[in-house]
Amino acid sequence: MGVLKRQDIQEVNIKAEKLSGLTQALFEYHDKLDHFQLKTICSLVYDIAGEINDWTEKEEEIVMSLEEEVRRNG
């Protein structure tokens, strides 16, 4: 397996900002939103959180692979 390169963090930063905005909207407007709007926003929050989790898991694998490569090569 070849050496993996670190991922660009900008993509995950943008997703985190979106997640923050959606959760802020939920907090501030939950009593004014109808069932469909709440369900849609919650679905978006869930999807974005999943994407962030996938990114962090992949990044952890990359970091561990790079650290192992350094150990092997001294």
PDB file of N, CA and C in Angstrom:
ATOM      1  N   MET A   1       0.853  -1.182   0.000  1.00  0.00           N
ATOM      2  CA  MET A   1       0.000   0.000   0.000  1.00  0.00           C
ATOM      3  C   MET A   1       0.891   1.234   0.000  1.00  0.00           C
ATOM      4  N   GLY A   2       0.594   2.211  -0.840  1.00  0.00           N
ATOM      5  CA  GLY A   2       1.375   3.429  -0.911  1.00  0.00           C
ATOM      6  C   GLY A   2       1.128   4.332   0.279  1.00  0.00           C
ATOM      7  N   VAL A   3       2.026   5.295   0.413  1.00  0.00           N
ATOM      8  CA  VAL A   3       1.887   6.256   1.511  1.00  0.00           C
ATOM      9  C   VAL A   3       0.691   7.155   1.235  1.00  0.00           C
ATOM     10  N   LEU A   4      -0.173   7.270   2.223  1.00  0.00           N
ATOM     11  CA  LEU A   4      -1.358   8.116   2.097  1.00  0.00           C
ATOM     12  C   LEU A   4      -0.995   9.557   2.423  1.00  0.00           C
ATOM     13  N   LYS A   5      -1.649  10.502   1.792  1.00  0.00           N
ATOM     14  CA  LYS A   5      -1.424  11.920   2.065  1.00  0.00           C
ATOM     15  C   LYS A   5      -2.554  12.456   2.922  1.00  0.00           C
ATOM     16  N   ARG A   6      -2.234  13.423   3.767  1.00  0.00           N
ATOM     17  CA  ARG A   6      -3.226  14.035   4.635  1.00  0.00           C
ATOM     18  C   ARG A   6      -4.313  14.705   3.804  1.00  0.00           C
ATOM     19  N   GLN A   7      -5.508  14.737   4.343  1.00  0.00           N
ATOM     20  CA  GLN A   7      -6.658  15.348   3.680  1.00  0.00           C
ATOM     21  C   GLN A   7      -6.660  16.860   3.901  1.00  0.00           C
ATOM     22  N   ASP A   8      -7.360  17.555   3.026  1.00  0.00           N
ATOM     23  CA  ASP A   8      -7.529  18.997   3.177  1.00  0.00           C
ATOM     24  C   ASP A   8      -8.597  19.251   4.227  1.00  0.00           C
ATOM     25  N   ILE A   9      -8.251  20.013   5.233  1.00  0.00           N
ATOM     26  CA  ILE A   9      -9.178  20.249   6.338  1.00  0.00           C
ATOM     27  C   ILE A   9     -10.249  21.289   5.984  1.00  0.00           C
ATOM     28  N   GLN A  10     -10.043  22.052   4.927  1.00  0.00           N
ATOM     29  CA  GLN A  10     -11.000  23.100   4.570  1.00  0.00           C
ATOM     30  C   GLN A  10     -12.394  22.529   4.321  1.00  0.00           C
ATOM     31  N   GLU A  11     -12.452  21.373   3.682  1.00  0.00           N
ATOM     32  CA  GLU A  11     -13.752  20.757   3.390  1.00  0.00           C
ATOM     33  C   GLU A  11     -14.514  20.440   4.679  1.00  0.00           C
ATOM     34  N   VAL A  12     -13.824  19.886   5.661  1.00  0.00           N
ATOM     35  CA  VAL A  12     -14.493  19.548   6.918  1.00  0.00           C
ATOM     36  C   VAL A  12     -14.832  20.811   7.709  1.00  0.00           C
ATOM     37  N   ASN A  13     -14.019  21.857   7.588  1.00  0.00           N
ATOM     38  CA  ASN A  13     -14.340  23.129   8.252  1.00  0.00           C
ATOM     39  C   ASN A  13     -15.643  23.714   7.714  1.00  0.00           C
ATOM     40  N   ILE A  14     -15.833  23.641   6.413  1.00  0.00           N
ATOM     41  CA  ILE A  14     -17.066  24.152   5.795  1.00  0.00           C
ATOM     42  C   ILE A  14     -18.274  23.347   6.288  1.00  0.00           C
ATOM     43  N   LYS A  15     -18.115  22.028   6.373  1.00  0.00           N
ATOM     44  CA  LYS A  15     -19.213  21.184   6.860  1.00  0.00           C
ATOM     45  C   LYS A  15     -19.523  21.501   8.322  1.00  0.00           C
ATOM     46  N   ALA A  16     -18.484  21.740   9.106  1.00  0.00           N
ATOM     47  CA  ALA A  16     -18.702  22.071  10.519  1.00  0.00           C
ATOM     48  C   ALA A  16     -19.442  23.405  10.655  1.00  0.00           C
ATOM     49  N   GLU A  17     -19.126  24.368   9.795  1.00  0.00           N
ATOM     50  CA  GLU A  17     -19.832  25.654   9.823  1.00  0.00           C
ATOM     51  C   GLU A  17     -21.295  25.470   9.447  1.00  0.00           C
ATOM     52  N   LYS A  18     -21.568  24.632   8.458  1.00  0.00           N
ATOM     53  CA  LYS A  18     -22.957  24.338   8.072  1.00  0.00           C
ATOM     54  C   LYS A  18     -23.700  23.676   9.234  1.00  0.00           C
ATOM     55  N   LEU A  19     -23.035  22.719   9.865  1.00  0.00           N
ATOM     56  CA  LEU A  19     -23.637  22.012  10.999  1.00  0.00           C
ATOM     57  C   LEU A  19     -23.952  22.981  12.127  1.00  0.00           C
ATOM     58  N   SER A  20     -23.043  23.880  12.389  1.00  0.00           N
ATOM     59  CA  SER A  20     -23.250  24.888  13.426  1.00  0.00           C
ATOM     60  C   SER A  20     -24.448  25.775  13.096  1.00  0.00           C
ATOM     61  N   GLY A  21     -24.543  26.211  11.859  1.00  0.00           N
ATOM     62  CA  GLY A  21     -25.667  27.045  11.444  1.00  0.00           C
ATOM     63  C   GLY A  21     -27.004  26.333  11.574  1.00  0.00           C
ATOM     64  N   LEU A  22     -27.032  25.074  11.172  1.00  0.00           N
ATOM     65  CA  LEU A  22     -28.280  24.308  11.278  1.00  0.00           C
ATOM     66  C   LEU A  22     -28.687  24.086  12.724  1.00  0.00           C
ATOM     67  N   THR A  23     -27.733  23.775  13.586  1.00  0.00           N
ATOM     68  CA  THR A  23     -28.081  23.549  14.989  1.00  0.00           C
ATOM     69  C   THR A  23     -28.506  24.854  15.662  1.00  0.00           C
ATOM     70  N   GLN A  24     -27.904  25.960  15.251  1.00  0.00           N
ATOM     71  CA  GLN A  24     -28.322  27.254  15.787  1.00  0.00           C
ATOM     72  C   GLN A  24     -29.761  27.562  15.354  1.00  0.00           C
ATOM     73  N   ALA A  25     -30.075  27.262  14.096  1.00  0.00           N
ATOM     74  CA  ALA A  25     -31.436  27.472  13.605  1.00  0.00           C
ATOM     75  C   ALA A  25     -32.430  26.603  14.380  1.00  0.00           C
ATOM     76  N   LEU A  26     -32.058  25.354  14.624  1.00  0.00           N
ATOM     77  CA  LEU A  26     -32.923  24.476  15.423  1.00  0.00           C
ATOM     78  C   LEU A  26     -33.153  25.044  16.807  1.00  0.00           C
ATOM     79  N   PHE A  27     -32.101  25.512  17.435  1.00  0.00           N
ATOM     80  CA  PHE A  27     -32.208  26.052  18.793  1.00  0.00           C
ATOM     81  C   PHE A  27     -33.102  27.289  18.838  1.00  0.00           C
ATOM     82  N   GLU A  28     -32.903  28.186  17.881  1.00  0.00           N
ATOM     83  CA  GLU A  28     -33.617  29.464  17.913  1.00  0.00           C
ATOM     84  C   GLU A  28     -35.048  29.385  17.395  1.00  0.00           C
ATOM     85  N   TYR A  29     -35.321  28.480  16.445  1.00  0.00           N
ATOM     86  CA  TYR A  29     -36.621  28.493  15.773  1.00  0.00           C
ATOM     87  C   TYR A  29     -37.412  27.200  15.922  1.00  0.00           C
ATOM     88  N   HIS A  30     -36.981  26.285  16.798  1.00  0.00           N
ATOM     89  CA  HIS A  30     -37.664  24.992  16.884  1.00  0.00           C
ATOM     90  C   HIS A  30     -39.159  25.122  17.159  1.00  0.00           C
ATOM     91  N   ASP A  31     -39.562  26.127  17.910  1.00  0.00           N
ATOM     92  CA  ASP A  31     -40.982  26.287  18.230  1.00  0.00           C
ATOM     93  C   ASP A  31     -41.786  26.909  17.089  1.00  0.00           C
ATOM     94  N   LYS A  32     -41.105  27.462  16.089  1.00  0.00           N
ATOM     95  CA  LYS A  32     -41.789  28.093  14.955  1.00  0.00           C
ATOM     96  C   LYS A  32     -41.796  27.208  13.704  1.00  0.00           C
ATOM     97  N   LEU A  33     -41.049  26.093  13.748  1.00  0.00           N
ATOM     98  CA  LEU A  33     -40.959  25.220  12.582  1.00  0.00           C
ATOM     99  C   LEU A  33     -42.018  24.130  12.646  1.00  0.00           C
ATOM    100  N   ASP A  34     -42.534  23.762  11.479  1.00  0.00           N
ATOM    101  CA  ASP A  34     -43.496  22.655  11.455  1.00  0.00           C
ATOM    102  C   ASP A  34     -42.739  21.321  11.447  1.00  0.00           C
ATOM    103  N   HIS A  35     -43.493  20.248  11.540  1.00  0.00           N
ATOM    104  CA  HIS A  35     -42.918  18.910  11.639  1.00  0.00           C
ATOM    105  C   HIS A  35     -41.987  18.607  10.462  1.00  0.00           C
ATOM    106  N   PHE A  36     -42.408  18.929   9.244  1.00  0.00           N
ATOM    107  CA  PHE A  36     -41.608  18.659   8.051  1.00  0.00           C
ATOM    108  C   PHE A  36     -40.303  19.441   8.087  1.00  0.00           C
ATOM    109  N   GLN A  37     -40.349  20.714   8.468  1.00  0.00           N
ATOM    110  CA  GLN A  37     -39.140  21.525   8.537  1.00  0.00           C
ATOM    111  C   GLN A  37     -38.167  20.987   9.591  1.00  0.00           C
ATOM    112  N   LEU A  38     -38.693  20.615  10.752  1.00  0.00           N
ATOM    113  CA  LEU A  38     -37.843  20.040  11.802  1.00  0.00           C
ATOM    114  C   LEU A  38     -37.192  18.745  11.334  1.00  0.00           C
ATOM    115  N   LYS A  39     -37.982  17.900  10.709  1.00  0.00           N
ATOM    116  CA  LYS A  39     -37.467  16.625  10.229  1.00  0.00           C
ATOM    117  C   LYS A  39     -36.401  16.840   9.159  1.00  0.00           C
ATOM    118  N   THR A  40     -36.593  17.795   8.273  1.00  0.00           N
ATOM    119  CA  THR A  40     -35.626  18.095   7.224  1.00  0.00           C
ATOM    120  C   THR A  40     -34.317  18.616   7.802  1.00  0.00           C
ATOM    121  N   ILE A  41     -34.406  19.547   8.727  1.00  0.00           N
ATOM    122  CA  ILE A  41     -33.199  20.099   9.342  1.00  0.00           C
ATOM    123  C   ILE A  41     -32.465  19.017  10.128  1.00  0.00           C
ATOM    124  N   CYS A  42     -33.190  18.214  10.878  1.00  0.00           N
ATOM    125  CA  CYS A  42     -32.550  17.126  11.626  1.00  0.00           C
ATOM    126  C   CYS A  42     -31.866  16.138  10.690  1.00  0.00           C
ATOM    127  N   SER A  43     -32.481  15.864   9.558  1.00  0.00           N
ATOM    128  CA  SER A  43     -31.885  14.970   8.573  1.00  0.00           C
ATOM    129  C   SER A  43     -30.583  15.553   8.021  1.00  0.00           C
ATOM    130  N   LEU A  44     -30.596  16.848   7.734  1.00  0.00           N
ATOM    131  CA  LEU A  44     -29.376  17.512   7.256  1.00  0.00           C
ATOM    132  C   LEU A  44     -28.273  17.480   8.312  1.00  0.00           C
ATOM    133  N   VAL A  45     -28.647  17.737   9.562  1.00  0.00           N
ATOM    134  CA  VAL A  45     -27.679  17.693  10.664  1.00  0.00           C
ATOM    135  C   VAL A  45     -27.069  16.294  10.752  1.00  0.00           C
ATOM    136  N   TYR A  46     -27.904  15.279  10.685  1.00  0.00           N
ATOM    137  CA  TYR A  46     -27.432  13.897  10.767  1.00  0.00           C
ATOM    138  C   TYR A  46     -26.472  13.575   9.618  1.00  0.00           C
ATOM    139  N   ASP A  47     -26.829  13.970   8.394  1.00  0.00           N
ATOM    140  CA  ASP A  47     -25.984  13.706   7.219  1.00  0.00           C
ATOM    141  C   ASP A  47     -24.633  14.403   7.325  1.00  0.00           C
ATOM    142  N   ILE A  48     -24.648  15.672   7.700  1.00  0.00           N
ATOM    143  CA  ILE A  48     -23.392  16.427   7.802  1.00  0.00           C
ATOM    144  C   ILE A  48     -22.518  15.863   8.924  1.00  0.00           C
ATOM    145  N   ALA A  49     -23.128  15.529  10.047  1.00  0.00           N
ATOM    146  CA  ALA A  49     -22.363  14.939  11.148  1.00  0.00           C
ATOM    147  C   ALA A  49     -21.727  13.615  10.705  1.00  0.00           C
ATOM    148  N   GLY A  50     -22.443  12.840   9.930  1.00  0.00           N
ATOM    149  CA  GLY A  50     -21.899  11.589   9.399  1.00  0.00           C
ATOM    150  C   GLY A  50     -20.726  11.823   8.473  1.00  0.00           C
ATOM    151  N   GLU A  51     -20.822  12.852   7.631  1.00  0.00           N
ATOM    152  CA  GLU A  51     -19.724  13.185   6.719  1.00  0.00           C
ATOM    153  C   GLU A  51     -18.486  13.624   7.500  1.00  0.00           C
ATOM    154  N   ILE A  52     -18.693  14.406   8.540  1.00  0.00           N
ATOM    155  CA  ILE A  52     -17.574  14.842   9.377  1.00  0.00           C
ATOM    156  C   ILE A  52     -16.940  13.634  10.063  1.00  0.00           C
ATOM    157  N   ASN A  53     -17.765  12.732  10.569  1.00  0.00           N
ATOM    158  CA  ASN A  53     -17.256  11.522  11.215  1.00  0.00           C
ATOM    159  C   ASN A  53     -16.450  10.668  10.226  1.00  0.00           C
ATOM    160  N   ASP A  54     -16.971  10.504   9.012  1.00  0.00           N
ATOM    161  CA  ASP A  54     -16.243   9.742   7.990  1.00  0.00           C
ATOM    162  C   ASP A  54     -14.882  10.372   7.710  1.00  0.00           C
ATOM    163  N   TRP A  55     -14.862  11.710   7.613  1.00  0.00           N
ATOM    164  CA  TRP A  55     -13.618  12.424   7.345  1.00  0.00           C
ATOM    165  C   TRP A  55     -12.611  12.179   8.463  1.00  0.00           C
ATOM    166  N   THR A  56     -13.061  12.294   9.709  1.00  0.00           N
ATOM    167  CA  THR A  56     -12.136  12.130  10.831  1.00  0.00           C
ATOM    168  C   THR A  56     -11.624  10.689  10.918  1.00  0.00           C
ATOM    169  N   GLU A  57     -12.473   9.709  10.633  1.00  0.00           N
ATOM    170  CA  GLU A  57     -12.015   8.322  10.644  1.00  0.00           C
ATOM    171  C   GLU A  57     -10.968   8.081   9.564  1.00  0.00           C
ATOM    172  N   LYS A  58     -11.200   8.618   8.373  1.00  0.00           N
ATOM    173  CA  LYS A  58     -10.229   8.466   7.285  1.00  0.00           C
ATOM    174  C   LYS A  58      -8.925   9.175   7.651  1.00  0.00           C
ATOM    175  N   GLU A  59      -9.038  10.358   8.219  1.00  0.00           N
ATOM    176  CA  GLU A  59      -7.838  11.105   8.609  1.00  0.00           C
ATOM    177  C   GLU A  59      -7.051  10.342   9.668  1.00  0.00           C
ATOM    178  N   GLU A  60      -7.746   9.724  10.606  1.00  0.00           N
ATOM    179  CA  GLU A  60      -7.069   8.936  11.637  1.00  0.00           C
ATOM    180  C   GLU A  60      -6.309   7.777  11.005  1.00  0.00           C
ATOM    181  N   GLU A  61      -6.912   7.108  10.029  1.00  0.00           N
ATOM    182  CA  GLU A  61      -6.235   6.020   9.326  1.00  0.00           C
ATOM    183  C   GLU A  61      -4.987   6.525   8.610  1.00  0.00           C
ATOM    184  N   ILE A  62      -5.093   7.693   7.981  1.00  0.00           N
ATOM    185  CA  ILE A  62      -3.956   8.267   7.263  1.00  0.00           C
ATOM    186  C   ILE A  62      -2.833   8.594   8.231  1.00  0.00           C
ATOM    187  N   VAL A  63      -3.158   9.236   9.335  1.00  0.00           N
ATOM    188  CA  VAL A  63      -2.148   9.612  10.327  1.00  0.00           C
ATOM    189  C   VAL A  63      -1.463   8.366  10.889  1.00  0.00           C
ATOM    190  N   MET A  64      -2.254   7.363  11.217  1.00  0.00           N
ATOM    191  CA  MET A  64      -1.672   6.131  11.755  1.00  0.00           C
ATOM    192  C   MET A  64      -0.766   5.462  10.720  1.00  0.00           C
ATOM    193  N   SER A  65      -1.165   5.486   9.456  1.00  0.00           N
ATOM    194  CA  SER A  65      -0.353   4.918   8.385  1.00  0.00           C
ATOM    195  C   SER A  65       0.958   5.692   8.232  1.00  0.00           C
ATOM    196  N   LEU A  66       0.871   7.011   8.281  1.00  0.00           N
ATOM    197  CA  LEU A  66       2.081   7.831   8.168  1.00  0.00           C
ATOM    198  C   LEU A  66       3.014   7.605   9.353  1.00  0.00           C
ATOM    199  N   GLU A  67       2.461   7.491  10.553  1.00  0.00           N
ATOM    200  CA  GLU A  67       3.283   7.227  11.742  1.00  0.00           C
ATOM    201  C   GLU A  67       3.948   5.863  11.650  1.00  0.00           C
ATOM    202  N   GLU A  68       3.232   4.876  11.158  1.00  0.00           N
ATOM    203  CA  GLU A  68       3.814   3.543  10.978  1.00  0.00           C
ATOM    204  C   GLU A  68       4.948   3.577   9.956  1.00  0.00           C
ATOM    205  N   GLU A  69       4.759   4.325   8.900  1.00  0.00           N
ATOM    206  CA  GLU A  69       5.795   4.472   7.863  1.00  0.00           C
ATOM    207  C   GLU A  69       7.059   5.109   8.445  1.00  0.00           C
ATOM    208  N   VAL A  70       6.878   6.115   9.306  1.00  0.00           N
ATOM    209  CA  VAL A  70       8.024   6.771   9.962  1.00  0.00           C
ATOM    210  C   VAL A  70       8.737   5.782  10.873  1.00  0.00           C
ATOM    211  N   ARG A  71       7.991   4.991  11.614  1.00  0.00           N
ATOM    212  CA  ARG A  71       8.606   3.983  12.507  1.00  0.00           C
ATOM    213  C   ARG A  71       9.418   2.965  11.729  1.00  0.00           C
ATOM    214  N   ARG A  72       8.875   2.532  10.606  1.00  0.00           N
ATOM    215  CA  ARG A  72       9.568   1.534   9.788  1.00  0.00           C
ATOM    216  C   ARG A  72      10.843   2.089   9.162  1.00  0.00           C
ATOM    217  N   ASN A  73      10.776   3.342   8.743  1.00  0.00           N
ATOM    218  CA  ASN A  73      11.908   3.944   8.021  1.00  0.00           C
ATOM    219  C   ASN A  73      12.858   4.702   8.930  1.00  0.00           C
ATOM    220  N   GLY A  74      12.502   4.806  10.203  1.00  0.00           N
ATOM    221  CA  GLY A  74      13.374   5.466  11.186  1.00  0.00           C
ATOM    222  C   GLY A  74      13.345   6.885  11.101  1.00  0.00           C
TER     223      GLY A  74
END
